[in-house]
């Protein structure tokens, strides 16, 4: 069993149930979503903010390569939570797509703290 099939089977077997909303379409699939820890913020443009001033939690998504995600458009639902795709890329091995990784933010109404003061 090669790396491509191993990764695909791992996502199918252990990933959580998700729905990807793009416009009017809703596609069910499986994927991993986990919070990015403090050390990872350096690599995704994380900024330091005082506590309670701004929501900046980011999440890492790992899912199947055949599921199309669009930056700032696709919304992912998992366990009664919604996330919007901020950045996504396909990981390839020998020109074959293995998985999609994405950086997600919680999706919903903007809070007063989400706006920068002028």
Protein backbone atom coordinates (compact mmCIF):
# COMPACT_ATOMS: atom_id res chain seq x y z
CA UNK A 1 0.00 0.00 0.00
CA UNK A 2 1.51 3.33 -1.06
CA UNK A 3 1.51 6.66 0.71
CA UNK A 4 -1.36 8.02 -1.40
CA UNK A 5 -3.77 5.20 -0.56
CA UNK A 6 -2.60 5.08 3.07
CA UNK A 7 -3.35 8.77 3.63
CA UNK A 8 -6.74 8.46 1.90
CA UNK A 9 -7.73 5.43 3.99
CA UNK A 10 -6.60 7.14 7.20
CA UNK A 11 -8.79 10.18 6.47
CA UNK A 12 -11.79 7.95 5.64
CA UNK A 13 -11.33 5.77 8.72
CA UNK A 14 -10.39 8.27 11.43
CA UNK A 15 -11.53 11.66 10.13
CA UNK A 16 -14.62 13.41 11.50
CA UNK A 17 -17.81 13.84 9.49
CA UNK A 18 -17.93 17.23 7.78
CA UNK A 19 -20.10 19.13 5.31
CA UNK A 20 -18.51 21.56 2.87
CA UNK A 21 -20.78 24.40 1.79
CA UNK A 22 -19.89 26.19 -1.43
CA UNK A 23 -22.70 28.42 -2.62
CA UNK A 24 -25.84 26.28 -2.76
CA UNK A 25 -23.95 22.95 -2.74
CA UNK A 26 -23.35 20.83 0.36
CA UNK A 27 -20.93 17.91 0.15
CA UNK A 28 -20.50 15.35 2.95
CA UNK A 29 -17.03 13.95 3.57
CA UNK A 30 -14.53 13.18 6.32
CA UNK A 31 -11.51 15.22 7.44
CA UNK A 32 -9.38 16.26 10.39
CA UNK A 33 -9.79 19.72 11.95
CA UNK A 34 -7.67 20.75 14.90
CA UNK A 35 -6.68 24.01 16.55
CA UNK A 36 -3.33 25.48 15.58
CA UNK A 37 -1.25 25.86 18.69
CA UNK A 38 0.80 28.91 19.68
CA UNK A 39 3.98 27.74 17.94
CA UNK A 40 2.16 27.35 14.60
CA UNK A 41 0.89 30.94 14.51
CA UNK A 42 4.32 32.14 13.43
CA UNK A 43 3.93 30.24 10.16
CA UNK A 44 0.43 31.46 9.25
CA UNK A 45 0.77 35.17 9.86
CA UNK A 46 -0.27 35.10 13.50
CA UNK A 47 -0.06 38.38 15.37
CA UNK A 48 0.15 39.09 19.05
CA UNK A 49 -2.94 40.72 20.57
CA UNK A 50 -4.00 41.45 24.09
CA UNK A 51 -6.39 38.88 25.53
CA UNK A 52 -10.03 39.62 24.84
CA UNK A 53 -9.31 42.18 22.15
CA UNK A 54 -9.56 40.05 19.03
CA UNK A 55 -10.46 36.50 18.04
CA UNK A 56 -7.55 34.98 16.18
CA UNK A 57 -7.94 31.23 16.66
CA UNK A 58 -6.95 29.34 13.56
CA UNK A 59 -7.59 25.71 12.72
CA UNK A 60 -5.78 23.19 10.54
CA UNK A 61 -7.82 21.12 8.09
CA UNK A 62 -6.57 17.92 6.46
CA UNK A 63 -8.97 16.31 3.99
CA UNK A 64 -9.28 14.35 0.75
CA UNK A 65 -7.81 15.94 -2.40
CA UNK A 66 -10.96 15.43 -4.49
CA UNK A 67 -12.95 17.86 -2.31
CA UNK A 68 -12.70 21.35 -3.84
CA UNK A 69 -12.19 24.18 -1.33
CA UNK A 70 -12.21 27.86 -2.22
CA UNK A 71 -10.46 30.51 -0.13
CA UNK A 72 -12.82 32.97 1.60
CA UNK A 73 -15.83 31.15 0.10
CA UNK A 74 -16.03 27.54 1.29
CA UNK A 75 -17.57 26.95 4.72
CA UNK A 76 -16.94 23.70 6.58
CA UNK A 77 -19.41 22.39 9.16
CA UNK A 78 -18.24 19.94 11.82
CA UNK A 79 -19.96 19.04 15.10
CA UNK A 80 -22.28 22.08 15.07
CA UNK A 81 -19.42 24.49 14.36
CA UNK A 82 -18.69 26.37 11.16
CA UNK A 83 -15.31 27.37 9.76
CA UNK A 84 -14.39 29.43 6.70
CA UNK A 85 -11.41 28.50 4.54
CA UNK A 86 -8.79 31.26 4.58
CA UNK A 87 -6.01 29.43 2.73
CA UNK A 88 -5.78 26.01 1.12
CA UNK A 89 -3.32 23.96 -0.91
CA UNK A 90 -3.05 20.44 -2.26
CA UNK A 91 -0.10 18.30 -1.15
CA UNK A 92 1.34 16.20 -4.00
CA UNK A 93 3.65 13.17 -4.18
CA UNK A 94 5.02 12.32 -7.64
CA UNK A 95 2.47 14.67 -9.24
CA UNK A 96 -0.42 12.81 -7.56
CA UNK A 97 -2.66 14.70 -5.10
CA UNK A 98 -2.47 13.15 -1.63
CA UNK A 99 -4.50 15.51 0.60
CA UNK A 100 -5.68 19.10 0.97
CA UNK A 101 -4.53 21.21 3.89
CA UNK A 102 -6.22 24.45 4.81
CA UNK A 103 -6.17 27.17 7.42
CA UNK A 104 -9.64 27.83 8.83
CA UNK A 105 -11.23 30.55 10.97
CA UNK A 106 -14.47 30.24 12.89
CA UNK A 107 -17.39 31.38 10.76
CA UNK A 108 -20.24 33.48 12.06
CA UNK A 109 -21.27 36.96 12.99
CA UNK A 110 -18.43 39.38 13.50
CA UNK A 111 -18.04 40.44 17.09
CA UNK A 112 -17.31 44.01 18.15
CA UNK A 113 -13.82 42.89 19.15
CA UNK A 114 -13.14 41.67 15.58
CA UNK A 115 -12.94 45.23 14.28
CA UNK A 116 -9.86 47.37 14.60
CA UNK A 117 -10.43 50.74 16.25
CA UNK A 118 -9.59 53.80 14.15
